[in-house]
């Protein structure tokens, strides 16, 4: 590994955020999933969760949309939504779903300086009732138009860039956001050897 590549990868890894994740429930279009992956990589999310209860697990994502972002992310796939939610509970303090409910809070009222998992549902039906029942609440992205929905990859991008904004203001990107053990595991996963460090 060249010194330049090593420096670039370490710089990226130093900005990864362990306390923010995205969950995709039964998203059908692999290009939407890969577009979400690309945005997650851009804001420093390392772990994403993909629930597939209505179709077989995805083997490939839309390659053009992701620009190989999946190579640098850790994707956790579940075919049981409750198992995924239980895994999220072990790592994140709040689980919020996108859903147009009377009690939904605005995206801009979420405190992203804490530990948060954001759940996005599929293109037709949104987040399932079962997953919403296991979450801590719902959020919406304020919209002023007639059509009250966004493409899932756009909704995700808007949401996690608000998280990035808050995290930048709180100084989260100025310090390593991953636990030391996880940091070292990712160094190995990304191709580092002892003599690279």
N, C-alpha and C. Protein backbone atom coordinates (compact mmCIF):
# COMPACT_ATOMS: atom_id res chain seq x y z
N UNK A 1 0.85 -1.19 0.00
CA UNK A 1 0.00 0.00 0.00
C UNK A 1 0.89 1.24 0.00
N UNK A 2 0.57 2.17 -0.89
CA UNK A 2 1.38 3.39 -0.95
C UNK A 2 1.11 4.27 0.27
N UNK A 3 2.07 5.10 0.65
CA UNK A 3 1.84 6.02 1.78
C UNK A 3 0.64 6.94 1.56
N UNK A 4 0.44 7.35 0.31
CA UNK A 4 -0.69 8.25 0.00
C UNK A 4 -2.03 7.56 0.23
N UNK A 5 -2.13 6.30 -0.22
CA UNK A 5 -3.38 5.56 -0.02
C UNK A 5 -3.59 5.28 1.46
N UNK A 6 -2.54 4.90 2.14
CA UNK A 6 -2.64 4.65 3.58
C UNK A 6 -3.13 5.88 4.32
N UNK A 7 -2.57 7.03 3.98
CA UNK A 7 -2.97 8.28 4.63
C UNK A 7 -4.44 8.60 4.35
N UNK A 8 -4.86 8.38 3.11
CA UNK A 8 -6.25 8.66 2.72
C UNK A 8 -7.23 7.76 3.49
N UNK A 9 -6.94 6.46 3.56
CA UNK A 9 -7.84 5.53 4.24
C UNK A 9 -7.89 5.81 5.73
N UNK A 10 -6.76 6.11 6.34
CA UNK A 10 -6.76 6.41 7.78
C UNK A 10 -7.54 7.69 8.05
N UNK A 11 -7.40 8.68 7.16
CA UNK A 11 -8.16 9.92 7.32
C UNK A 11 -9.66 9.65 7.29
N UNK A 12 -10.10 8.77 6.38
CA UNK A 12 -11.52 8.41 6.29
C UNK A 12 -11.95 7.65 7.54
N UNK A 13 -11.15 6.68 7.94
CA UNK A 13 -11.50 5.86 9.10
C UNK A 13 -11.59 6.69 10.37
N UNK A 14 -10.76 7.70 10.49
CA UNK A 14 -10.79 8.58 11.67
C UNK A 14 -12.10 9.36 11.78
N UNK A 15 -12.83 9.46 10.68
CA UNK A 15 -14.09 10.23 10.70
C UNK A 15 -15.33 9.33 10.72
N UNK A 16 -15.14 8.03 10.77
CA UNK A 16 -16.29 7.12 10.85
C UNK A 16 -17.00 7.32 12.19
N UNK A 17 -18.34 7.25 12.13
CA UNK A 17 -19.18 7.51 13.29
C UNK A 17 -19.86 6.22 13.75
N UNK A 18 -19.56 5.80 14.97
CA UNK A 18 -20.13 4.54 15.49
C UNK A 18 -21.54 4.72 16.02
N UNK A 19 -21.98 5.95 16.22
CA UNK A 19 -23.27 6.18 16.87
C UNK A 19 -24.37 6.66 15.91
N UNK A 20 -24.20 6.35 14.63
CA UNK A 20 -25.22 6.71 13.64
C UNK A 20 -25.30 5.59 12.61
N UNK A 21 -26.52 5.15 12.30
CA UNK A 21 -26.68 4.13 11.27
C UNK A 21 -27.97 4.36 10.50
N UNK A 22 -28.03 3.68 9.36
CA UNK A 22 -29.22 3.68 8.50
C UNK A 22 -29.69 2.24 8.37
N UNK A 23 -31.02 2.07 8.43
CA UNK A 23 -31.65 0.76 8.28
C UNK A 23 -32.61 0.84 7.10
N UNK A 24 -32.52 -0.12 6.19
CA UNK A 24 -33.40 -0.17 5.02
C UNK A 24 -34.27 -1.42 5.13
N UNK A 25 -35.59 -1.21 5.19
CA UNK A 25 -36.50 -2.34 5.31
C UNK A 25 -37.17 -2.64 3.98
N UNK A 26 -36.87 -3.80 3.42
CA UNK A 26 -37.50 -4.30 2.20
C UNK A 26 -37.45 -3.32 1.03
N UNK A 27 -36.36 -2.59 0.93
CA UNK A 27 -36.17 -1.72 -0.24
C UNK A 27 -35.94 -2.62 -1.44
N UNK A 28 -36.73 -2.41 -2.48
CA UNK A 28 -36.73 -3.35 -3.60
C UNK A 28 -35.67 -3.06 -4.65
N UNK A 29 -35.43 -1.81 -4.93
CA UNK A 29 -34.51 -1.45 -6.01
C UNK A 29 -33.07 -1.44 -5.49
N UNK A 30 -32.22 -2.33 -5.98
CA UNK A 30 -30.84 -2.35 -5.50
C UNK A 30 -30.10 -1.05 -5.79
N UNK A 31 -30.54 -0.30 -6.80
CA UNK A 31 -29.91 0.99 -7.08
C UNK A 31 -30.21 1.99 -5.96
N UNK A 32 -31.40 1.91 -5.37
CA UNK A 32 -31.70 2.76 -4.22
C UNK A 32 -30.81 2.41 -3.04
N UNK A 33 -30.61 1.12 -2.82
CA UNK A 33 -29.76 0.69 -1.71
C UNK A 33 -28.33 1.17 -1.93
N UNK A 34 -27.83 1.01 -3.13
CA UNK A 34 -26.45 1.40 -3.37
C UNK A 34 -26.27 2.92 -3.32
N UNK A 35 -27.29 3.67 -3.72
CA UNK A 35 -27.23 5.13 -3.60
C UNK A 35 -27.17 5.53 -2.13
N UNK A 36 -27.93 4.84 -1.29
CA UNK A 36 -27.88 5.08 0.16
C UNK A 36 -26.48 4.76 0.69
N UNK A 37 -25.91 3.65 0.22
CA UNK A 37 -24.56 3.28 0.66
C UNK A 37 -23.55 4.38 0.35
N UNK A 38 -23.66 4.92 -0.83
CA UNK A 38 -22.72 5.97 -1.24
C UNK A 38 -22.83 7.18 -0.31
N UNK A 39 -24.05 7.55 0.03
CA UNK A 39 -24.26 8.70 0.92
C UNK A 39 -23.79 8.38 2.34
N UNK A 40 -24.04 7.16 2.80
CA UNK A 40 -23.56 6.77 4.13
C UNK A 40 -22.05 6.89 4.22
N UNK A 41 -21.36 6.40 3.20
CA UNK A 41 -19.90 6.53 3.17
C UNK A 41 -19.50 8.00 3.21
N UNK A 42 -20.22 8.83 2.49
CA UNK A 42 -19.86 10.25 2.40
C UNK A 42 -19.97 10.96 3.74
N UNK A 43 -20.90 10.56 4.60
CA UNK A 43 -21.06 11.24 5.89
C UNK A 43 -20.36 10.52 7.04
N UNK A 44 -19.70 9.39 6.75
CA UNK A 44 -18.94 8.71 7.78
C UNK A 44 -19.68 7.63 8.53
N UNK A 45 -20.78 7.13 7.97
CA UNK A 45 -21.47 5.99 8.57
C UNK A 45 -20.74 4.73 8.14
N UNK A 46 -20.40 3.87 9.09
CA UNK A 46 -19.70 2.63 8.76
C UNK A 46 -20.66 1.45 8.60
N UNK A 47 -21.62 1.34 9.52
CA UNK A 47 -22.53 0.19 9.54
C UNK A 47 -23.89 0.56 8.98
N UNK A 48 -24.39 -0.25 8.06
CA UNK A 48 -25.77 -0.10 7.63
C UNK A 48 -26.46 -1.46 7.76
N UNK A 49 -27.78 -1.41 7.92
CA UNK A 49 -28.58 -2.62 8.14
C UNK A 49 -29.61 -2.74 7.03
N UNK A 50 -29.72 -3.93 6.47
CA UNK A 50 -30.67 -4.20 5.39
C UNK A 50 -31.57 -5.35 5.81
N UNK A 51 -32.88 -5.07 5.89
CA UNK A 51 -33.86 -6.10 6.24
C UNK A 51 -34.55 -6.53 4.95
N UNK A 52 -34.59 -7.85 4.71
CA UNK A 52 -35.29 -8.37 3.53
C UNK A 52 -36.21 -9.50 3.99
N UNK A 53 -37.47 -9.15 4.25
CA UNK A 53 -38.44 -10.16 4.68
C UNK A 53 -39.37 -10.56 3.54
N UNK A 54 -39.41 -9.77 2.47
CA UNK A 54 -40.35 -10.03 1.38
C UNK A 54 -39.67 -10.52 0.12
N UNK A 55 -38.37 -10.65 0.15
CA UNK A 55 -37.62 -11.11 -1.03
C UNK A 55 -36.33 -11.74 -0.55
N UNK A 56 -35.66 -12.49 -1.41
CA UNK A 56 -34.36 -13.05 -1.02
C UNK A 56 -33.35 -11.95 -0.72
N UNK A 57 -32.35 -12.29 0.07
CA UNK A 57 -31.29 -11.33 0.37
C UNK A 57 -30.64 -10.85 -0.93
N UNK A 58 -30.26 -9.59 -0.90
CA UNK A 58 -29.56 -9.04 -2.06
C UNK A 58 -28.15 -9.61 -2.14
N UNK A 59 -27.76 -10.00 -3.35
CA UNK A 59 -26.39 -10.47 -3.55
C UNK A 59 -25.54 -9.40 -4.20
N UNK A 60 -26.20 -8.53 -4.97
CA UNK A 60 -25.49 -7.44 -5.63
C UNK A 60 -26.28 -6.16 -5.45
N UNK A 61 -25.56 -5.08 -5.35
CA UNK A 61 -26.20 -3.77 -5.30
C UNK A 61 -26.01 -3.12 -6.66
N UNK A 62 -26.70 -2.02 -6.90
CA UNK A 62 -26.54 -1.31 -8.17
C UNK A 62 -25.15 -0.70 -8.24
N UNK A 63 -24.24 -1.33 -8.95
CA UNK A 63 -22.83 -0.97 -8.93
C UNK A 63 -22.59 0.49 -9.31
N UNK A 64 -23.27 0.96 -10.34
CA UNK A 64 -23.03 2.34 -10.78
C UNK A 64 -23.44 3.35 -9.72
N UNK A 65 -24.53 3.05 -9.01
CA UNK A 65 -25.02 4.00 -8.01
C UNK A 65 -24.09 4.09 -6.81
N UNK A 66 -23.47 2.96 -6.45
CA UNK A 66 -22.68 2.94 -5.22
C UNK A 66 -21.25 3.39 -5.42
N UNK A 67 -20.76 3.34 -6.68
CA UNK A 67 -19.35 3.62 -6.94
C UNK A 67 -18.46 2.83 -5.99
N UNK A 68 -18.80 1.57 -5.78
CA UNK A 68 -18.09 0.63 -4.92
C UNK A 68 -18.07 1.04 -3.44
N UNK A 69 -19.01 1.87 -3.02
CA UNK A 69 -19.06 2.28 -1.61
C UNK A 69 -19.22 1.08 -0.70
N UNK A 70 -19.91 0.04 -1.18
CA UNK A 70 -20.14 -1.13 -0.31
C UNK A 70 -18.83 -1.79 0.12
N UNK A 71 -17.78 -1.59 -0.63
CA UNK A 71 -16.47 -2.15 -0.27
C UNK A 71 -15.99 -1.59 1.06
N UNK A 72 -16.37 -0.38 1.38
CA UNK A 72 -15.86 0.31 2.57
C UNK A 72 -16.85 0.34 3.72
N UNK A 73 -18.02 -0.24 3.52
CA UNK A 73 -19.05 -0.26 4.57
C UNK A 73 -19.22 -1.66 5.12
N UNK A 74 -19.79 -1.74 6.31
CA UNK A 74 -20.15 -3.02 6.91
C UNK A 74 -21.67 -3.14 6.80
N UNK A 75 -22.13 -4.09 5.97
CA UNK A 75 -23.55 -4.26 5.75
C UNK A 75 -24.05 -5.48 6.51
N UNK A 76 -25.02 -5.24 7.39
CA UNK A 76 -25.63 -6.31 8.18
C UNK A 76 -26.97 -6.65 7.54
N UNK A 77 -27.12 -7.87 7.03
CA UNK A 77 -28.38 -8.27 6.39
C UNK A 77 -29.18 -9.19 7.30
N UNK A 78 -30.47 -8.93 7.39
CA UNK A 78 -31.39 -9.72 8.22
C UNK A 78 -32.60 -10.11 7.39
N UNK A 79 -33.09 -11.34 7.59
CA UNK A 79 -34.37 -11.72 7.00
C UNK A 79 -35.46 -11.80 8.07
N UNK A 80 -35.15 -11.31 9.25
CA UNK A 80 -36.09 -11.24 10.37
C UNK A 80 -36.01 -9.83 10.96
N UNK A 81 -37.09 -9.08 10.80
CA UNK A 81 -37.08 -7.68 11.24
C UNK A 81 -36.89 -7.54 12.75
N UNK A 82 -37.52 -8.42 13.52
CA UNK A 82 -37.38 -8.34 14.99
C UNK A 82 -35.94 -8.60 15.41
N UNK A 83 -35.26 -9.52 14.74
CA UNK A 83 -33.85 -9.80 15.06
C UNK A 83 -32.98 -8.59 14.75
N UNK A 84 -33.29 -7.92 13.65
CA UNK A 84 -32.54 -6.71 13.31
C UNK A 84 -32.76 -5.63 14.37
N UNK A 85 -34.00 -5.45 14.76
CA UNK A 85 -34.30 -4.43 15.77
C UNK A 85 -33.61 -4.74 17.10
N UNK A 86 -33.54 -6.02 17.45
CA UNK A 86 -32.85 -6.43 18.68
C UNK A 86 -31.36 -6.11 18.57
N UNK A 87 -30.77 -6.36 17.41
CA UNK A 87 -29.36 -6.04 17.20
C UNK A 87 -29.12 -4.53 17.29
N UNK A 88 -30.04 -3.75 16.75
CA UNK A 88 -29.92 -2.29 16.84
C UNK A 88 -30.00 -1.82 18.28
N UNK A 89 -30.89 -2.42 19.06
CA UNK A 89 -31.05 -2.05 20.48
C UNK A 89 -29.75 -2.19 21.27
N UNK A 90 -28.94 -3.16 20.87
CA UNK A 90 -27.67 -3.38 21.57
C UNK A 90 -26.64 -2.29 21.27
N UNK A 91 -26.83 -1.56 20.17
CA UNK A 91 -25.80 -0.61 19.74
C UNK A 91 -26.24 0.85 19.72
N UNK A 92 -27.56 1.09 19.63
CA UNK A 92 -28.03 2.47 19.46
C UNK A 92 -29.08 2.79 20.52
N UNK A 93 -29.05 4.02 21.00
CA UNK A 93 -29.97 4.43 22.07
C UNK A 93 -31.37 4.72 21.55
N UNK A 94 -31.47 5.25 20.34
CA UNK A 94 -32.78 5.60 19.76
C UNK A 94 -32.92 4.98 18.38
N UNK A 95 -34.12 4.45 18.12
CA UNK A 95 -34.45 3.94 16.79
C UNK A 95 -35.67 4.71 16.31
N UNK A 96 -35.51 5.43 15.21
CA UNK A 96 -36.60 6.25 14.68
C UNK A 96 -36.93 5.83 13.25
N UNK A 97 -38.22 5.77 12.95
CA UNK A 97 -38.66 5.35 11.61
C UNK A 97 -39.25 6.54 10.86
N UNK A 98 -39.14 6.50 9.54
CA UNK A 98 -39.80 7.51 8.72
C UNK A 98 -41.25 7.09 8.54
N UNK A 99 -42.15 7.94 9.03
CA UNK A 99 -43.57 7.60 8.92
C UNK A 99 -44.40 8.86 9.16
N UNK A 100 -45.40 9.06 8.29
CA UNK A 100 -46.28 10.23 8.42
C UNK A 100 -47.34 9.95 9.48
N UNK A 101 -46.97 10.13 10.73
CA UNK A 101 -47.91 9.93 11.84
C UNK A 101 -48.14 11.26 12.54
N UNK A 102 -49.25 11.35 13.27
CA UNK A 102 -49.57 12.60 13.98
C UNK A 102 -48.50 12.96 15.00
N UNK A 103 -47.86 11.94 15.58
CA UNK A 103 -46.88 12.21 16.62
C UNK A 103 -45.44 12.24 16.07
N UNK A 104 -45.29 12.21 14.76
CA UNK A 104 -43.95 12.22 14.17
C UNK A 104 -43.27 13.56 14.44
N UNK A 105 -41.98 13.49 14.75
CA UNK A 105 -41.23 14.72 14.98
C UNK A 105 -40.51 15.11 13.69
N UNK A 106 -40.19 16.37 13.58
CA UNK A 106 -39.45 16.85 12.43
C UNK A 106 -38.02 16.32 12.48
N UNK A 107 -37.47 16.03 11.33
CA UNK A 107 -36.07 15.64 11.23
C UNK A 107 -35.19 16.64 11.98
N UNK A 108 -35.55 17.92 11.91
CA UNK A 108 -34.71 18.97 12.47
C UNK A 108 -34.84 19.08 13.99
N UNK A 109 -35.72 18.26 14.57
CA UNK A 109 -35.83 18.21 16.04
C UNK A 109 -35.13 16.99 16.63
N UNK A 110 -34.51 16.18 15.79
CA UNK A 110 -33.77 15.01 16.28
C UNK A 110 -32.39 15.47 16.75
N UNK A 111 -31.98 14.96 17.91
CA UNK A 111 -30.64 15.25 18.43
C UNK A 111 -29.68 14.18 17.90
N UNK A 112 -28.92 14.54 16.89
CA UNK A 112 -27.99 13.60 16.29
C UNK A 112 -26.63 13.57 16.98
N UNK A 113 -26.51 14.28 18.09
CA UNK A 113 -25.27 14.18 18.84
C UNK A 113 -25.30 12.94 19.74
N UNK A 114 -26.45 12.30 19.83
CA UNK A 114 -26.57 11.05 20.58
C UNK A 114 -26.39 9.86 19.64
N UNK A 115 -26.89 8.71 20.07
CA UNK A 115 -26.75 7.46 19.33
C UNK A 115 -28.09 7.14 18.66
N UNK A 116 -28.12 7.17 17.32
CA UNK A 116 -29.40 7.11 16.59
C UNK A 116 -29.33 6.15 15.41
N UNK A 117 -30.38 5.36 15.26
CA UNK A 117 -30.59 4.53 14.07
C UNK A 117 -31.83 5.06 13.35
N UNK A 118 -31.71 5.31 12.05
CA UNK A 118 -32.82 5.81 11.24
C UNK A 118 -33.29 4.70 10.31
N UNK A 119 -34.60 4.40 10.35
CA UNK A 119 -35.16 3.31 9.55
C UNK A 119 -35.98 3.88 8.40
N UNK A 120 -35.67 3.41 7.19
CA UNK A 120 -36.39 3.82 5.99
C UNK A 120 -37.06 2.59 5.39
N UNK A 121 -38.33 2.75 5.00
CA UNK A 121 -39.08 1.61 4.47
C UNK A 121 -39.02 1.49 2.97
N UNK A 122 -39.78 0.52 2.46
CA UNK A 122 -39.69 0.27 1.02
C UNK A 122 -40.43 1.32 0.21
N UNK A 123 -40.23 1.26 -1.10
CA UNK A 123 -40.67 2.32 -1.99
C UNK A 123 -42.19 2.48 -2.05
N UNK A 124 -42.95 1.40 -1.84
CA UNK A 124 -44.41 1.49 -1.94
C UNK A 124 -45.10 1.68 -0.59
N UNK A 125 -44.68 0.90 0.40
CA UNK A 125 -45.44 0.84 1.66
C UNK A 125 -44.75 1.49 2.86
N UNK A 126 -43.55 1.94 2.70
CA UNK A 126 -42.85 2.55 3.82
C UNK A 126 -42.42 1.52 4.85
N UNK A 127 -42.23 1.98 6.08
CA UNK A 127 -41.81 1.10 7.17
C UNK A 127 -43.00 0.29 7.65
N UNK A 128 -42.80 -0.98 7.90
CA UNK A 128 -43.89 -1.87 8.31
C UNK A 128 -44.40 -1.54 9.71
N UNK A 129 -45.64 -1.94 9.98
CA UNK A 129 -46.22 -1.74 11.32
C UNK A 129 -45.39 -2.43 12.38
N UNK A 130 -44.89 -3.63 12.07
CA UNK A 130 -44.11 -4.39 13.05
C UNK A 130 -42.84 -3.68 13.45
N UNK A 131 -42.14 -3.11 12.50
CA UNK A 131 -40.90 -2.38 12.80
C UNK A 131 -41.22 -1.09 13.54
N UNK A 132 -42.28 -0.39 13.12
CA UNK A 132 -42.65 0.84 13.83
C UNK A 132 -42.99 0.57 15.28
N UNK A 133 -43.62 -0.57 15.54
CA UNK A 133 -43.99 -0.92 16.92
C UNK A 133 -42.76 -1.16 17.79
N UNK A 134 -41.64 -1.53 17.19
CA UNK A 134 -40.43 -1.81 17.95
C UNK A 134 -39.49 -0.61 18.04
N UNK A 135 -39.88 0.49 17.39
CA UNK A 135 -39.04 1.69 17.38
C UNK A 135 -39.43 2.64 18.51
N UNK A 136 -38.65 3.70 18.66
CA UNK A 136 -38.90 4.69 19.72
C UNK A 136 -39.77 5.85 19.25
N UNK A 137 -40.03 5.93 17.96
CA UNK A 137 -40.85 7.01 17.43
C UNK A 137 -40.65 7.16 15.94
N UNK A 138 -41.35 8.14 15.40
CA UNK A 138 -41.31 8.41 13.97
C UNK A 138 -40.80 9.81 13.72
N UNK A 139 -40.24 10.00 12.52
CA UNK A 139 -39.86 11.35 12.12
C UNK A 139 -40.28 11.59 10.68
N UNK A 140 -40.40 12.85 10.35
CA UNK A 140 -40.74 13.24 8.98
C UNK A 140 -39.75 14.31 8.51
N UNK A 141 -39.61 14.38 7.20
CA UNK A 141 -38.82 15.45 6.59
C UNK A 141 -39.82 16.52 6.14
N UNK A 142 -39.73 17.73 6.68
CA UNK A 142 -40.69 18.77 6.29
C UNK A 142 -40.68 18.99 4.78
N UNK A 143 -41.88 19.06 4.20
CA UNK A 143 -42.01 19.27 2.75
C UNK A 143 -43.13 20.25 2.49
N UNK A 144 -42.96 21.07 1.48
CA UNK A 144 -43.92 22.13 1.18
C UNK A 144 -44.73 21.86 -0.08
N UNK A 145 -44.45 20.77 -0.77
CA UNK A 145 -45.13 20.51 -2.04
C UNK A 145 -46.39 19.70 -1.88
N UNK A 146 -47.03 19.40 -2.99
CA UNK A 146 -48.25 18.60 -3.00
C UNK A 146 -47.94 17.14 -2.69
N UNK A 147 -46.88 16.62 -3.32
CA UNK A 147 -46.51 15.22 -3.11
C UNK A 147 -45.68 15.14 -1.83
N UNK A 148 -46.16 14.37 -0.86
CA UNK A 148 -45.52 14.32 0.45
C UNK A 148 -44.61 13.11 0.61
N UNK A 149 -43.81 12.87 -0.40
CA UNK A 149 -42.84 11.78 -0.27
C UNK A 149 -41.63 12.09 -1.13
N UNK A 150 -40.51 11.52 -0.73
CA UNK A 150 -39.27 11.65 -1.48
C UNK A 150 -38.78 10.26 -1.85
N UNK A 151 -38.00 10.17 -2.91
CA UNK A 151 -37.33 8.91 -3.21
C UNK A 151 -36.53 8.52 -1.97
N UNK A 152 -36.46 7.21 -1.70
CA UNK A 152 -35.81 6.76 -0.47
C UNK A 152 -34.36 7.20 -0.37
N UNK A 153 -33.63 7.17 -1.47
CA UNK A 153 -32.22 7.58 -1.39
C UNK A 153 -32.09 9.07 -1.13
N UNK A 154 -33.04 9.85 -1.64
CA UNK A 154 -33.04 11.29 -1.39
C UNK A 154 -33.41 11.56 0.07
N UNK A 155 -34.45 10.88 0.56
CA UNK A 155 -34.87 11.05 1.96
C UNK A 155 -33.74 10.70 2.91
N UNK A 156 -33.04 9.62 2.60
CA UNK A 156 -31.92 9.22 3.45
C UNK A 156 -30.82 10.28 3.40
N UNK A 157 -30.50 10.77 2.22
CA UNK A 157 -29.44 11.76 2.09
C UNK A 157 -29.76 13.04 2.87
N UNK A 158 -30.99 13.52 2.72
CA UNK A 158 -31.40 14.72 3.46
C UNK A 158 -31.25 14.49 4.96
N UNK A 159 -31.66 13.32 5.41
CA UNK A 159 -31.66 13.02 6.85
C UNK A 159 -30.25 12.91 7.42
N UNK A 160 -29.39 12.17 6.73
CA UNK A 160 -28.07 11.96 7.33
C UNK A 160 -27.14 13.16 7.11
N UNK A 161 -27.47 14.02 6.16
CA UNK A 161 -26.70 15.25 6.08
C UNK A 161 -27.09 16.23 7.19
N UNK A 162 -28.32 16.15 7.68
CA UNK A 162 -28.66 16.90 8.88
C UNK A 162 -27.88 16.35 10.07
N UNK A 163 -27.74 15.03 10.13
CA UNK A 163 -26.92 14.43 11.19
C UNK A 163 -25.47 14.91 11.07
N UNK A 164 -24.94 14.93 9.86
CA UNK A 164 -23.57 15.40 9.66
C UNK A 164 -23.42 16.84 10.14
N UNK A 165 -24.38 17.68 9.79
CA UNK A 165 -24.32 19.09 10.21
C UNK A 165 -24.23 19.22 11.72
N UNK A 166 -25.11 18.49 12.43
CA UNK A 166 -25.09 18.56 13.88
C UNK A 166 -23.80 17.98 14.46
N UNK A 167 -23.34 16.89 13.88
CA UNK A 167 -22.12 16.25 14.38
C UNK A 167 -20.89 17.12 14.13
N UNK A 168 -20.86 17.81 13.02
CA UNK A 168 -19.75 18.74 12.77
C UNK A 168 -19.75 19.86 13.80
N UNK A 169 -20.93 20.40 14.08
CA UNK A 169 -21.01 21.48 15.08
C UNK A 169 -20.59 20.99 16.46
N UNK A 170 -20.85 19.72 16.75
CA UNK A 170 -20.51 19.15 18.06
C UNK A 170 -19.07 18.64 18.12
N UNK A 171 -18.34 18.72 17.00
CA UNK A 171 -16.95 18.29 16.99
C UNK A 171 -16.73 16.80 16.87
N UNK A 172 -17.76 16.06 16.45
CA UNK A 172 -17.63 14.61 16.37
C UNK A 172 -16.61 14.14 15.33
N UNK A 173 -16.39 14.94 14.30
CA UNK A 173 -15.46 14.53 13.25
C UNK A 173 -14.02 14.93 13.56
N UNK A 174 -13.83 15.60 14.68
CA UNK A 174 -12.48 16.02 15.07
C UNK A 174 -11.78 14.98 15.93
N UNK A 175 -12.48 13.91 16.25
CA UNK A 175 -11.90 12.83 17.04
C UNK A 175 -12.37 11.50 16.47
N UNK A 176 -11.63 10.45 16.73
CA UNK A 176 -12.00 9.14 16.22
C UNK A 176 -13.30 8.69 16.86
N UNK A 177 -14.27 8.29 16.02
CA UNK A 177 -15.59 7.92 16.52
C UNK A 177 -15.80 6.43 16.74
N UNK A 178 -14.79 5.62 16.41
CA UNK A 178 -14.93 4.18 16.55
C UNK A 178 -14.17 3.67 17.76
N UNK A 179 -14.70 2.65 18.43
CA UNK A 179 -13.93 2.02 19.51
C UNK A 179 -12.63 1.45 18.94
N UNK A 180 -11.59 1.38 19.78
CA UNK A 180 -10.27 0.96 19.31
C UNK A 180 -10.27 -0.41 18.65
N UNK A 181 -10.98 -1.37 19.25
CA UNK A 181 -11.01 -2.72 18.70
C UNK A 181 -11.61 -2.72 17.29
N UNK A 182 -12.74 -2.01 17.14
CA UNK A 182 -13.40 -1.94 15.82
C UNK A 182 -12.51 -1.22 14.82
N UNK A 183 -11.85 -0.19 15.25
CA UNK A 183 -10.95 0.57 14.40
C UNK A 183 -9.87 -0.35 13.82
N UNK A 184 -9.27 -1.16 14.68
CA UNK A 184 -8.21 -2.07 14.24
C UNK A 184 -8.75 -3.15 13.31
N UNK A 185 -9.95 -3.64 13.60
CA UNK A 185 -10.57 -4.64 12.72
C UNK A 185 -10.77 -4.08 11.31
N UNK A 186 -11.23 -2.84 11.24
CA UNK A 186 -11.47 -2.23 9.94
C UNK A 186 -10.17 -1.95 9.20
N UNK A 187 -9.13 -1.59 9.92
CA UNK A 187 -7.82 -1.43 9.28
C UNK A 187 -7.44 -2.72 8.55
N UNK A 188 -7.64 -3.85 9.23
CA UNK A 188 -7.33 -5.14 8.61
C UNK A 188 -8.24 -5.41 7.42
N UNK A 189 -9.55 -5.16 7.61
CA UNK A 189 -10.52 -5.38 6.53
C UNK A 189 -10.19 -4.53 5.30
N UNK A 190 -9.66 -3.35 5.52
CA UNK A 190 -9.35 -2.43 4.43
C UNK A 190 -7.98 -2.69 3.82
N UNK A 191 -7.31 -3.75 4.26
CA UNK A 191 -6.07 -4.17 3.60
C UNK A 191 -4.78 -3.71 4.23
N UNK A 192 -4.85 -3.18 5.45
CA UNK A 192 -3.63 -2.75 6.11
C UNK A 192 -2.88 -3.96 6.68
N UNK A 193 -1.56 -3.87 6.63
CA UNK A 193 -0.69 -4.84 7.28
C UNK A 193 0.13 -4.10 8.32
N UNK A 194 0.78 -4.84 9.17
CA UNK A 194 1.56 -4.22 10.25
C UNK A 194 2.53 -3.17 9.72
N UNK A 195 3.20 -3.47 8.60
CA UNK A 195 4.20 -2.53 8.09
C UNK A 195 3.60 -1.33 7.37
N UNK A 196 2.26 -1.32 7.21
CA UNK A 196 1.59 -0.16 6.61
C UNK A 196 1.37 0.95 7.64
N UNK A 197 1.40 0.57 8.92
CA UNK A 197 1.04 1.52 9.98
C UNK A 197 2.27 2.17 10.60
